[in-house]
C-alpha atoms as a PDB file:
ATOM      1  CA  MET A   1      12.340  13.306 -24.331  1.00  0.00           C
ATOM      2  CA  THR A   2      15.894  11.952 -24.451  1.00  0.00           C
ATOM      3  CA  ASP A   3      15.910   8.186 -24.264  1.00  0.00           C
ATOM      4  CA  VAL A   4      18.276   6.853 -21.634  1.00  0.00           C
ATOM      5  CA  ALA A   5      19.964   3.472 -21.300  1.00  0.00           C
ATOM      6  CA  ILE A   6      21.032   2.022 -17.968  1.00  0.00           C
ATOM      7  CA  VAL A   7      23.849  -0.506 -18.287  1.00  0.00           C
ATOM      8  CA  GLY A   8      24.420  -2.727 -15.286  1.00  0.00           C
ATOM      9  CA  ALA A   9      22.609  -5.097 -12.982  1.00  0.00           C
ATOM     10  CA  GLY A  10      21.897  -5.082  -9.287  1.00  0.00           C
ATOM     11  CA  ALA A  11      20.680  -2.563  -6.761  1.00  0.00           C
ATOM     12  CA  GLU A  12      22.506   0.391  -8.344  1.00  0.00           C
ATOM     13  CA  GLY A  13      20.640  -0.144 -11.610  1.00  0.00           C
ATOM     14  CA  GLN A  14      17.395  -0.166  -9.646  1.00  0.00           C
ATOM     15  CA  ALA A  15      18.368   3.054  -7.873  1.00  0.00           C
ATOM     16  CA  VAL A  16      19.196   4.773 -11.169  1.00  0.00           C
ATOM     17  CA  ALA A  17      15.856   3.641 -12.607  1.00  0.00           C
ATOM     18  CA  SER A  18      14.065   5.202  -9.642  1.00  0.00           C
ATOM     19  CA  TRP A  19      16.024   8.422 -10.048  1.00  0.00           C
ATOM     20  CA  LEU A  20      15.183   8.613 -13.748  1.00  0.00           C
ATOM     21  CA  LYS A  21      11.525   7.997 -12.965  1.00  0.00           C
ATOM     22  CA  GLN A  22      11.478  10.923 -10.548  1.00  0.00           C
ATOM     23  CA  ALA A  23      13.289  13.121 -13.086  1.00  0.00           C
ATOM     24  CA  GLY A  24      10.835  12.156 -15.824  1.00  0.00           C
ATOM     25  CA  ARG A  25      13.685  10.966 -18.044  1.00  0.00           C
ATOM     26  CA  LEU A  26      13.141   7.227 -18.193  1.00  0.00           C
ATOM     27  CA  GLY A  27      13.876   5.669 -21.548  1.00  0.00           C
ATOM     28  CA  THR A  28      15.667   2.345 -21.970  1.00  0.00           C
ATOM     29  CA  ILE A  29      17.094  -0.095 -19.431  1.00  0.00           C
ATOM     30  CA  VAL A  30      19.946  -2.359 -20.508  1.00  0.00           C
ATOM     31  CA  ASP A  31      21.038  -5.448 -18.580  1.00  0.00           C
ATOM     32  CA  ALA A  32      19.390  -4.250 -15.368  1.00  0.00           C
ATOM     33  CA  ASP A  33      18.181  -6.724 -12.793  1.00  0.00           C
ATOM     34  CA  ALA A  34      14.590  -7.954 -12.890  1.00  0.00           C
ATOM     35  CA  HIS A  35      13.386  -5.597 -10.174  1.00  0.00           C
ATOM     36  CA  ALA A  36      14.815  -2.555 -11.965  1.00  0.00           C
ATOM     37  CA  LEU A  37      13.168  -3.633 -15.212  1.00  0.00           C
ATOM     38  CA  GLU A  38       9.833  -4.059 -13.439  1.00  0.00           C
ATOM     39  CA  THR A  39      10.168  -0.632 -11.814  1.00  0.00           C
ATOM     40  CA  ALA A  40      10.974   0.957 -15.168  1.00  0.00           C
ATOM     41  CA  SER A  41       8.171  -0.726 -17.055  1.00  0.00           C
ATOM     42  CA  LYS A  42       5.568   0.385 -14.538  1.00  0.00           C
ATOM     43  CA  ALA A  43       6.924   3.915 -14.464  1.00  0.00           C
ATOM     44  CA  HIS A  44       6.994   4.326 -18.216  1.00  0.00           C
ATOM     45  CA  PRO A  45       4.848   1.981 -20.339  1.00  0.00           C
ATOM     46  CA  THR A  46       6.866   2.676 -23.505  1.00  0.00           C
ATOM     47  CA  VAL A  47      10.154   1.524 -21.975  1.00  0.00           C
ATOM     48  CA  THR A  48      12.389  -0.514 -24.270  1.00  0.00           C
ATOM     49  CA  VAL A  49      14.553  -3.318 -22.945  1.00  0.00           C
ATOM     50  CA  ALA A  50      17.771  -4.213 -24.768  1.00  0.00           C
ATOM     51  CA  SER A  51      19.839  -7.227 -23.819  1.00  0.00           C
ATOM     52  CA  THR A  52      23.281  -5.796 -24.657  1.00  0.00           C
ATOM     53  CA  LEU A  53      25.046  -2.441 -24.850  1.00  0.00           C
ATOM     54  CA  SER A  54      25.691  -2.860 -28.559  1.00  0.00           C
ATOM     55  CA  ARG A  55      22.002  -3.473 -29.178  1.00  0.00           C
ATOM     56  CA  ALA A  56      21.147  -0.345 -27.210  1.00  0.00           C
ATOM     57  CA  LEU A  57      23.639   1.736 -29.158  1.00  0.00           C
ATOM     58  CA  ASP A  58      22.054   0.536 -32.401  1.00  0.00           C
ATOM     59  CA  GLN A  59      18.879   2.388 -31.383  1.00  0.00           C
ATOM     60  CA  SER A  60      19.052   5.933 -32.690  1.00  0.00           C
ATOM     61  CA  THR A  61      16.683   7.269 -30.032  1.00  0.00           C
ATOM     62  CA  ILE A  62      19.118   6.624 -27.198  1.00  0.00           C
ATOM     63  CA  ARG A  63      21.226   9.732 -26.599  1.00  0.00           C
ATOM     64  CA  GLN A  64      22.436   9.095 -23.063  1.00  0.00           C
ATOM     65  CA  VAL A  65      23.886   6.004 -21.433  1.00  0.00           C
ATOM     66  CA  ILE A  66      24.279   5.553 -17.673  1.00  0.00           C
ATOM     67  CA  ILE A  67      26.901   2.986 -16.706  1.00  0.00           C
ATOM     68  CA  THR A  68      26.441   1.140 -13.398  1.00  0.00           C
ATOM     69  CA  GLN A  69      28.663  -1.846 -14.114  1.00  0.00           C
ATOM     70  CA  ARG A  70      31.760  -2.507 -12.051  1.00  0.00           C
ATOM     71  CA  GLN A  71      35.469  -1.978 -12.664  1.00  0.00           C
ATOM     72  CA  ASP A  72      36.798  -2.815 -16.144  1.00  0.00           C
ATOM     73  CA  LYS A  73      33.359  -3.607 -17.520  1.00  0.00           C
ATOM     74  CA  ALA A  74      32.223  -0.100 -16.615  1.00  0.00           C
ATOM     75  CA  ALA A  75      35.211   1.536 -18.283  1.00  0.00           C
ATOM     76  CA  GLU A  76      34.849  -0.636 -21.377  1.00  0.00           C
ATOM     77  CA  ALA A  77      31.124   0.108 -21.665  1.00  0.00           C
ATOM     78  CA  ALA A  78      31.753   3.848 -21.216  1.00  0.00           C
ATOM     79  CA  ALA A  79      34.390   3.803 -23.952  1.00  0.00           C
ATOM     80  CA  GLN A  80      32.005   2.043 -26.345  1.00  0.00           C
ATOM     81  CA  SER A  81      29.214   4.490 -25.558  1.00  0.00           C
ATOM     82  CA  ILE A  82      31.455   7.522 -26.124  1.00  0.00           C
ATOM     83  CA  ALA A  83      32.786   6.016 -29.356  1.00  0.00           C
ATOM     84  CA  ALA A  84      29.195   5.620 -30.527  1.00  0.00           C
ATOM     85  CA  GLY A  85      28.575   9.340 -29.971  1.00  0.00           C
ATOM     86  CA  ARG A  86      26.381   9.021 -26.914  1.00  0.00           C
ATOM     87  CA  ASP A  87      26.432  11.262 -23.853  1.00  0.00           C
ATOM     88  CA  THR A  88      27.676   9.030 -21.051  1.00  0.00           C
ATOM     89  CA  VAL A  89      27.323   9.032 -17.274  1.00  0.00           C
ATOM     90  CA  LEU A  90      29.540   6.745 -15.214  1.00  0.00           C
ATOM     91  CA  VAL A  91      28.317   6.045 -11.695  1.00  0.00           C
ATOM     92  CA  GLU A  92      31.204   6.509  -9.299  1.00  0.00           C
ATOM     93  CA  GLY A  93      32.397   3.901  -6.841  1.00  0.00           C
ATOM     94  CA  HIS A  94      32.898   0.949  -9.175  1.00  0.00           C
ATOM     95  CA  GLY A  95      36.684   0.662  -9.063  1.00  0.00           C
ATOM     96  CA  VAL A  96      37.658   2.453 -12.295  1.00  0.00           C
ATOM     97  CA  THR A  97      41.151   3.950 -11.870  1.00  0.00           C
ATOM     98  CA  PRO A  98      41.730   7.718 -12.043  1.00  0.00           C
ATOM     99  CA  GLN A  99      43.947   7.173 -15.079  1.00  0.00           C
ATOM    100  CA  ARG A 100      41.152   5.400 -16.931  1.00  0.00           C
ATOM    101  CA  MET A 101      38.751   8.164 -15.960  1.00  0.00           C
ATOM    102  CA  SER A 102      41.077  10.771 -17.442  1.00  0.00           C
ATOM    103  CA  ALA A 103      41.347   8.752 -20.636  1.00  0.00           C
ATOM    104  CA  LEU A 104      37.561   8.558 -20.920  1.00  0.00           C
ATOM    105  CA  GLN A 105      37.238  12.311 -20.416  1.00  0.00           C
ATOM    106  CA  ALA A 106      39.765  12.950 -23.176  1.00  0.00           C
ATOM    107  CA  GLN A 107      37.954  10.513 -25.471  1.00  0.00           C
ATOM    108  CA  ALA A 108      34.626  12.252 -24.852  1.00  0.00           C
ATOM    109  CA  GLN A 109      36.112  15.689 -25.514  1.00  0.00           C
ATOM    110  CA  GLU A 110      37.550  14.503 -28.783  1.00  0.00           C
ATOM    111  CA  ALA A 111      34.239  12.881 -29.785  1.00  0.00           C
ATOM    112  CA  GLY A 112      32.263  15.990 -28.882  1.00  0.00           C
ATOM    113  CA  VAL A 113      29.950  14.246 -26.392  1.00  0.00           C
ATOM    114  CA  LEU A 114      29.276  14.828 -22.712  1.00  0.00           C
ATOM    115  CA  PHE A 115      30.929  12.602 -20.133  1.00  0.00           C
ATOM    116  CA  SER A 116      30.291  12.922 -16.417  1.00  0.00           C
ATOM    117  CA  ILE A 117      30.871  11.000 -13.219  1.00  0.00           C
ATOM    118  CA  ARG A 118      27.922  10.705 -10.865  1.00  0.00           C
ATOM    119  CA  PRO A 119      28.178   9.690  -7.209  1.00  0.00           C
ATOM    120  CA  ALA A 120      26.589   6.372  -6.418  1.00  0.00           C
ATOM    121  CA  LEU A 121      22.924   6.866  -5.680  1.00  0.00           C
ATOM    122  CA  ALA A 122      21.834   6.307  -2.118  1.00  0.00           C
ATOM    123  CA  GLN A 123      20.015   3.048  -1.678  1.00  0.00           C
ATOM    124  CA  PRO A 124      16.370   3.250  -0.620  1.00  0.00           C
ATOM    125  CA  ALA A 125      15.940   3.420   3.121  1.00  0.00           C
ATOM    126  CA  ALA A 126      14.766   0.241   4.806  1.00  0.00           C
ATOM    127  CA  PRO A 127      10.974   0.200   5.083  1.00  0.00           C
ATOM    128  CA  ASP A 128       9.555   1.243   8.435  1.00  0.00           C
ATOM    129  CA  TYR A 129       7.004  -1.574   8.314  1.00  0.00           C
ATOM    130  CA  PHE A 130       7.312  -5.372   8.461  1.00  0.00           C
ATOM    131  CA  VAL A 131       6.356  -7.881   5.770  1.00  0.00           C
ATOM    132  CA  HIS A 132       6.879 -11.572   6.489  1.00  0.00           C
ATOM    133  CA  PRO A 133       8.889 -13.356   3.754  1.00  0.00           C
ATOM    134  CA  SER A 134       5.906 -15.593   2.947  1.00  0.00           C
ATOM    135  CA  ALA A 135       3.609 -12.602   2.349  1.00  0.00           C
ATOM    136  CA  VAL A 136       3.048 -10.977  -1.066  1.00  0.00           C
ATOM    137  CA  VAL A 137       2.660  -7.206  -1.454  1.00  0.00           C
ATOM    138  CA  ASP A 138       1.929  -5.985  -4.983  1.00  0.00           C
ATOM    139  CA  ASP A 139       3.035  -2.604  -6.334  1.00  0.00           C
ATOM    140  CA  PRO A 140       1.982   0.125  -6.052  1.00  0.00           C
ATOM    141  CA  CYS A 141       0.955   0.028  -2.417  1.00  0.00           C
ATOM    142  CA  GLN A 142       1.173   2.604   0.364  1.00  0.00           C
ATOM    143  CA  ILE A 143       2.019   1.143   3.771  1.00  0.00           C
ATOM    144  CA  GLY A 144       2.250   3.233   6.938  1.00  0.00           C
ATOM    145  CA  ALA A 145       4.989   3.112   9.535  1.00  0.00           C
ATOM    146  CA  GLY A 146       4.792   0.333  12.095  1.00  0.00           C
ATOM    147  CA  THR A 147       2.384  -1.833  10.093  1.00  0.00           C
ATOM    148  CA  ARG A 148       2.980  -5.595  10.268  1.00  0.00           C
ATOM    149  CA  ILE A 149       1.961  -8.054   7.550  1.00  0.00           C
ATOM    150  CA  TRP A 150       2.201 -11.686   8.608  1.00  0.00           C
ATOM    151  CA  HIS A 151       2.425 -15.184   7.122  1.00  0.00           C
ATOM    152  CA  PHE A 152       0.811 -15.995   3.737  1.00  0.00           C
ATOM    153  CA  THR A 153      -0.972 -12.659   3.462  1.00  0.00           C
ATOM    154  CA  HIS A 154      -1.567 -11.083   0.030  1.00  0.00           C
ATOM    155  CA  VAL A 155      -1.936  -7.319  -0.367  1.00  0.00           C
ATOM    156  CA  MET A 156      -2.939  -6.350  -3.905  1.00  0.00           C
ATOM    157  CA  GLY A 157      -1.846  -3.160  -5.652  1.00  0.00           C
ATOM    158  CA  ASN A 158      -3.383   0.305  -5.309  1.00  0.00           C
ATOM    159  CA  THR A 159      -4.136  -0.261  -1.634  1.00  0.00           C
ATOM    160  CA  THR A 160      -3.523   2.094   1.272  1.00  0.00           C
ATOM    161  CA  LEU A 161      -2.623   0.710   4.686  1.00  0.00           C
ATOM    162  CA  GLY A 162      -2.316   3.220   7.514  1.00  0.00           C
ATOM    163  CA  GLU A 163       0.190   3.328  10.345  1.00  0.00           C
ATOM    164  CA  GLY A 164       0.355   0.683  13.043  1.00  0.00           C
ATOM    165  CA  CYS A 165      -1.903  -1.840  11.319  1.00  0.00           C
ATOM    166  CA  ASN A 166      -1.613  -5.578  11.944  1.00  0.00           C
ATOM    167  CA  LEU A 167      -2.609  -8.104   9.256  1.00  0.00           C
ATOM    168  CA  GLY A 168      -2.639 -11.626  10.645  1.00  0.00           C
ATOM    169  CA  GLN A 169      -1.977 -14.925   8.917  1.00  0.00           C
ATOM    170  CA  ASN A 170      -3.711 -15.701   5.594  1.00  0.00           C
ATOM    171  CA  VAL A 171      -5.278 -12.270   5.125  1.00  0.00           C
ATOM    172  CA  PHE A 172      -6.235 -10.959   1.678  1.00  0.00           C
ATOM    173  CA  ILE A 173      -6.502  -7.237   0.890  1.00  0.00           C
ATOM    174  CA  GLY A 174      -8.164  -6.498  -2.451  1.00  0.00           C
ATOM    175  CA  GLY A 175      -7.115  -3.800  -4.890  1.00  0.00           C
ATOM    176  CA  GLY A 176      -8.142  -0.282  -3.937  1.00  0.00           C
ATOM    177  CA  VAL A 177      -8.952  -1.112  -0.314  1.00  0.00           C
ATOM    178  CA  LYS A 178      -8.207   1.607   2.238  1.00  0.00           C
ATOM    179  CA  LEU A 179      -7.291   0.868   5.845  1.00  0.00           C
ATOM    180  CA  GLY A 180      -6.854   3.666   8.375  1.00  0.00           C
ATOM    181  CA  ASN A 181      -4.370   3.726  11.231  1.00  0.00           C
ATOM    182  CA  ASN A 182      -4.228   0.977  13.864  1.00  0.00           C
ATOM    183  CA  VAL A 183      -6.545  -1.413  12.003  1.00  0.00           C
ATOM    184  CA  LYS A 184      -6.271  -4.941  13.400  1.00  0.00           C
ATOM    185  CA  ILE A 185      -7.192  -7.859  11.113  1.00  0.00           C
ATOM    186  CA  GLN A 186      -7.129 -11.336  12.599  1.00  0.00           C
ATOM    187  CA  ASN A 187      -6.340 -14.580  10.736  1.00  0.00           C
ATOM    188  CA  ASN A 188      -8.238 -15.774   7.638  1.00  0.00           C
ATOM    189  CA  VAL A 189      -9.986 -12.539   6.682  1.00  0.00           C
ATOM    190  CA  SER A 190     -10.514 -11.328   3.095  1.00  0.00           C
ATOM    191  CA  VAL A 191     -11.079  -7.590   2.697  1.00  0.00           C
ATOM    192  CA  TYR A 192     -12.445  -7.222  -0.818  1.00  0.00           C
ATOM    193  CA  THR A 193     -12.447  -4.266  -3.189  1.00  0.00           C
ATOM    194  CA  GLY A 194     -15.094  -1.778  -2.069  1.00  0.00           C
ATOM    195  CA  VAL A 195     -14.377  -2.064   1.650  1.00  0.00           C
ATOM    196  CA  GLU A 196     -12.976   0.884   3.598  1.00  0.00           C
ATOM    197  CA  CYS A 197     -11.922   0.709   7.241  1.00  0.00           C
ATOM    198  CA  GLU A 198     -11.307   3.893   9.203  1.00  0.00           C
ATOM    199  CA  ASP A 199      -8.910   4.191  12.159  1.00  0.00           C
ATOM    200  CA  ASP A 200      -8.965   1.630  15.009  1.00  0.00           C
ATOM    201  CA  VAL A 201     -11.219  -0.910  13.287  1.00  0.00           C
ATOM    202  CA  PHE A 202     -11.025  -4.515  14.540  1.00  0.00           C
ATOM    203  CA  LEU A 203     -11.852  -7.503  12.297  1.00  0.00           C
ATOM    204  CA  GLY A 204     -12.148 -10.789  14.173  1.00  0.00           C
ATOM    205  CA  PRO A 205     -10.837 -14.126  12.899  1.00  0.00           C
ATOM    206  CA  SER A 206     -12.548 -15.575   9.827  1.00  0.00           C
ATOM    207  CA  MET A 207     -15.139 -12.793   9.572  1.00  0.00           C
ATOM    208  CA  VAL A 208     -16.482 -12.337   6.026  1.00  0.00           C
ATOM    209  CA  PHE A 209     -17.037  -9.415   3.671  1.00  0.00           C
ATOM    210  CA  THR A 210     -18.884  -9.499   0.356  1.00  0.00           C
ATOM    211  CA  ASN A 211     -18.850  -6.916  -2.424  1.00  0.00           C
ATOM    212  CA  VAL A 212     -21.631  -8.062  -4.781  1.00  0.00           C
ATOM    213  CA  ILE A 213     -25.302  -8.412  -3.807  1.00  0.00           C
ATOM    214  CA  ASN A 214     -26.310 -10.999  -6.421  1.00  0.00           C
ATOM    215  CA  PRO A 215     -23.217 -12.896  -7.585  1.00  0.00           C
ATOM    216  CA  ARG A 216     -23.313 -15.307 -10.519  1.00  0.00           C
ATOM    217  CA  SER A 217     -20.281 -17.158 -11.801  1.00  0.00           C
ATOM    218  CA  HIS A 218     -21.230 -16.508 -15.428  1.00  0.00           C
ATOM    219  CA  VAL A 219     -22.090 -12.792 -14.946  1.00  0.00           C
ATOM    220  CA  ASN A 220     -19.301 -10.215 -14.637  1.00  0.00           C
ATOM    221  CA  ARG A 221     -20.319  -7.744 -11.925  1.00  0.00           C
ATOM    222  CA  LYS A 222     -16.976  -6.003 -11.325  1.00  0.00           C
ATOM    223  CA  ASN A 223     -18.645  -2.688 -12.107  1.00  0.00           C
ATOM    224  CA  GLU A 224     -21.301  -3.342  -9.482  1.00  0.00           C
ATOM    225  CA  TYR A 225     -19.143  -3.630  -6.353  1.00  0.00           C
ATOM    226  CA  LYS A 226     -20.900  -2.093  -3.359  1.00  0.00           C
ATOM    227  CA  ARG A 227     -19.087   0.197  -0.917  1.00  0.00           C
ATOM    228  CA  THR A 228     -18.900  -1.060   2.652  1.00  0.00           C
ATOM    229  CA  LEU A 229     -17.704   1.436   5.262  1.00  0.00           C
ATOM    230  CA  LEU A 230     -16.488   0.595   8.750  1.00  0.00           C
ATOM    231  CA  GLN A 231     -16.227   3.835  10.683  1.00  0.00           C
ATOM    232  CA  GLN A 232     -13.725   4.644  13.394  1.00  0.00           C
ATOM    233  CA  GLY A 233     -13.392   2.144  16.210  1.00  0.00           C
ATOM    234  CA  SER A 234     -15.974  -0.381  14.982  1.00  0.00           C
ATOM    235  CA  SER A 235     -15.401  -4.046  15.858  1.00  0.00           C
ATOM    236  CA  VAL A 236     -16.561  -7.190  14.066  1.00  0.00           C
ATOM    237  CA  GLY A 237     -16.589 -10.488  15.955  1.00  0.00           C
ATOM    238  CA  ALA A 238     -15.267 -13.835  14.779  1.00  0.00           C
ATOM    239  CA  ASN A 239     -17.107 -15.538  11.905  1.00  0.00           C
ATOM    240  CA  ALA A 240     -19.517 -12.632  11.426  1.00  0.00           C
ATOM    241  CA  THR A 241     -20.638 -11.758   7.882  1.00  0.00           C
ATOM    242  CA  ILE A 242     -20.984  -8.187   6.645  1.00  0.00           C
ATOM    243  CA  VAL A 243     -23.197  -8.080   3.566  1.00  0.00           C
ATOM    244  CA  CYS A 244     -21.902  -5.419   1.177  1.00  0.00           C
ATOM    245  CA  GLY A 245     -23.312  -1.917   0.946  1.00  0.00           C
ATOM    246  CA  VAL A 246     -23.734  -1.248   4.677  1.00  0.00           C
ATOM    247  CA  THR A 247     -22.096   1.218   7.051  1.00  0.00           C
ATOM    248  CA  LEU A 248     -20.977   0.296  10.546  1.00  0.00           C
ATOM    249  CA  GLY A 249     -21.119   3.426  12.705  1.00  0.00           C
ATOM    250  CA  ARG A 250     -18.418   4.722  15.006  1.00  0.00           C
ATOM    251  CA  TYR A 251     -17.528   2.163  17.688  1.00  0.00           C
ATOM    252  CA  ALA A 252     -20.306  -0.177  16.583  1.00  0.00           C
ATOM    253  CA  PHE A 253     -19.916  -3.731  17.876  1.00  0.00           C
ATOM    254  CA  ILE A 254     -20.901  -6.801  15.830  1.00  0.00           C
ATOM    255  CA  GLY A 255     -21.317 -10.013  17.810  1.00  0.00           C
ATOM    256  CA  ALA A 256     -19.563 -13.228  16.756  1.00  0.00           C
ATOM    257  CA  GLY A 257     -21.350 -15.216  14.063  1.00  0.00           C
ATOM    258  CA  SER A 258     -23.799 -12.435  13.189  1.00  0.00           C
ATOM    259  CA  VAL A 259     -25.013 -11.630   9.678  1.00  0.00           C
ATOM    260  CA  VAL A 260     -25.239  -7.863   9.163  1.00  0.00           C
ATOM    261  CA  THR A 261     -27.624  -6.796   6.388  1.00  0.00           C
ATOM    262  CA  HIS A 262     -28.359  -3.177   7.396  1.00  0.00           C
ATOM    263  CA  ASP A 263     -26.485  -0.125   8.650  1.00  0.00           C
ATOM    264  CA  VAL A 264     -25.461  -0.149  12.313  1.00  0.00           C
ATOM    265  CA  PRO A 265     -25.626   3.137  14.285  1.00  0.00           C
ATOM    266  CA  ASP A 266     -22.802   4.722  16.241  1.00  0.00           C
ATOM    267  CA  PHE A 267     -22.096   2.746  19.428  1.00  0.00           C
ATOM    268  CA  GLY A 268     -24.668   0.165  18.349  1.00  0.00           C
ATOM    269  CA  LEU A 269     -24.424  -3.397  19.684  1.00  0.00           C
ATOM    270  CA  VAL A 270     -25.876  -5.910  17.233  1.00  0.00           C
ATOM    271  CA  TYR A 271     -25.889  -9.679  17.014  1.00  0.00           C
ATOM    272  CA  GLY A 272     -27.921 -12.548  15.629  1.00  0.00           C
ATOM    273  CA  VAL A 273     -28.945 -13.853  12.212  1.00  0.00           C
ATOM    274  CA  PRO A 274     -29.921 -11.451  10.873  1.00  0.00           C
ATOM    275  CA  ALA A 275     -28.225  -9.016  13.252  1.00  0.00           C
ATOM    276  CA  ARG A 276     -30.558  -6.806  15.277  1.00  0.00           C
ATOM    277  CA  LEU A 277     -29.819  -3.835  17.515  1.00  0.00           C
ATOM    278  CA  LYS A 278     -29.613  -5.187  21.078  1.00  0.00           C
ATOM    279  CA  GLY A 279     -28.264  -2.114  22.856  1.00  0.00           C
ATOM    280  CA  HIS A 280     -25.328   0.255  22.872  1.00  0.00           C
ATOM    281  CA  ILE A 281     -21.710  -0.046  23.828  1.00  0.00           C
ATOM    282  CA  CYS A 282     -19.021   2.379  25.024  1.00  0.00           C
ATOM    283  CA  HIS A 283     -15.968   3.141  22.941  1.00  0.00           C
ATOM    284  CA  CYS A 284     -14.014   1.207  25.589  1.00  0.00           C
ATOM    285  CA  GLY A 285     -16.058  -1.944  24.837  1.00  0.00           C
ATOM    286  CA  VAL A 286     -18.346  -2.048  27.910  1.00  0.00           C
ATOM    287  CA  LYS A 287     -22.124  -2.266  27.401  1.00  0.00           C
ATOM    288  CA  LEU A 288     -24.145   0.859  28.214  1.00  0.00           C
ATOM    289  CA  ASP A 289     -27.251   0.181  30.313  1.00  0.00           C
ATOM    290  CA  PHE A 290     -29.731   2.829  29.230  1.00  0.00           C
ATOM    291  CA  LEU A 291     -32.956   2.522  31.242  1.00  0.00           C
ATOM    292  CA  LYS A 292     -35.561   4.449  29.245  1.00  0.00           C
ATOM    293  CA  PRO A 293     -37.170   2.778  26.219  1.00  0.00           C
ATOM    294  CA  VAL A 294     -36.912   4.602  22.905  1.00  0.00           C
ATOM    295  CA  GLY A 295     -39.585   7.304  22.582  1.00  0.00           C
ATOM    296  CA  THR A 296     -39.941   7.977  26.307  1.00  0.00           C
ATOM    297  CA  GLY A 297     -37.547  10.914  26.470  1.00  0.00           C
ATOM    298  CA  PRO A 298     -33.832  11.649  26.383  1.00  0.00           C
ATOM    299  CA  GLU A 299     -31.382  10.038  28.765  1.00  0.00           C
ATOM    300  CA  ASP A 300     -27.764  10.521  29.834  1.00  0.00           C
ATOM    301  CA  ILE A 301     -25.571   7.739  31.127  1.00  0.00           C
ATOM    302  CA  THR A 302     -22.009   7.383  32.337  1.00  0.00           C
ATOM    303  CA  CYS A 303     -19.882   4.347  31.481  1.00  0.00           C
ATOM    304  CA  ASP A 304     -19.072   2.478  34.691  1.00  0.00           C
ATOM    305  CA  SER A 305     -15.662   1.485  33.322  1.00  0.00           C
ATOM    306  CA  CYS A 306     -14.112   4.626  31.824  1.00  0.00           C
ATOM    307  CA  GLY A 307     -16.404   7.463  32.897  1.00  0.00           C
ATOM    308  CA  THR A 308     -17.385   8.579  29.409  1.00  0.00           C
ATOM    309  CA  VAL A 309     -20.800  10.282  29.261  1.00  0.00           C
ATOM    310  CA  TYR A 310     -23.359   9.482  26.550  1.00  0.00           C
ATOM    311  CA  HIS A 311     -26.665  11.021  25.549  1.00  0.00           C
ATOM    312  CA  LYS A 312     -29.557   9.108  23.975  1.00  0.00           C
ATOM    313  CA  ASP A 313     -32.277  11.171  22.288  1.00  0.00           C
ATOM    314  CA  GLU A 314     -35.962  10.263  21.892  1.00  0.00           C
ATOM    315  CA  ARG A 315     -35.263   8.497  18.595  1.00  0.00           C
ATOM    316  CA  GLY A 316     -32.658   6.275  20.238  1.00  0.00           C
ATOM    317  CA  HIS A 317     -29.601   7.919  18.669  1.00  0.00           C
ATOM    318  CA  VAL A 318     -26.591   7.815  20.991  1.00  0.00           C
ATOM    319  CA  THR A 319     -23.822  10.420  21.032  1.00  0.00           C
ATOM    320  CA  LEU A 320     -20.713  10.840  23.154  1.00  0.00           C
ATOM    321  CA  THR A 321     -20.984  14.072  25.139  1.00  0.00           C
ATOM    322  CA  HIS A 322     -18.009  13.975  27.520  1.00  0.00           C
ATOM    323  CA  GLN A 323     -14.855  11.940  27.685  1.00  0.00           C
ATOM    324  CA  PRO A 324     -12.601  12.191  30.742  1.00  0.00           C
ATOM    325  CA  THR A 325      -9.068  13.412  30.186  1.00  0.00           C
ATOM    326  CA  ALA A 326      -6.555  10.607  30.338  1.00  0.00           C
ATOM    327  CA  HIS A 327      -3.951  10.949  33.082  1.00  0.00           C
END
């Protein structure tokens, strides 16, 4: 691989670093801004950072130099690079006169090296999500369109946040966590590594997750994190605790202050300490009043609020059988 040096600070240096990363040609960054250096280092662990052009040219591995400096500095750096026998790319739009460009081309031809002028790289498009200035989002992180991340929230790297999510104040999202679309997290919630929330999950204020069954300060149990799955549409009330390793079924509803230690079925309504199944609830959030006790035969019921039809079998399992078409 040809090592490459980027000379110049600011957003253009960052853009060139991103382009080189995509092209698989990243080598050395010179005098780039801190963000460009960080991008380069993460993209290519063997990246070398030189503080000056002359120091970069002293490195025999560097065969191409990309100049992103402005005006006379750009022309001077290009001339030095060509004189040192390096292929040189000058990013256009930095105020170098046509006469100086012609002189550089003649110099390169005489030196037997390549010299080219590249249009300024387009700056990255503005993100289609919102992050409050007080929040911290670590790289890499995938954030869907329309998601909002509010005050003092910390999203660690290697996380996936779907579209239309809302993370309230003082929320923590651990590394590797996956959130589906339209997940709503209220203030003061920590979603630790091992938790996965599918679409339309609601987490009430100050509810609690865990990810280790038997924590000890002096015992490292990072390899023992339990998976906790919140399936589509499930809701967890304020101050409830979800002990790790459980699954909350589709549209399950956890009452405020409950402690959940076992799986919750689809459409299950649970509350208490420990939480017990107290009934079933519609996907719209209204309680379903089944009449027959479990084991006395199947039963169908229609939600009084939205008209959705549910079936309960003899074992007490509830399924949605018909949902009216929205008008």
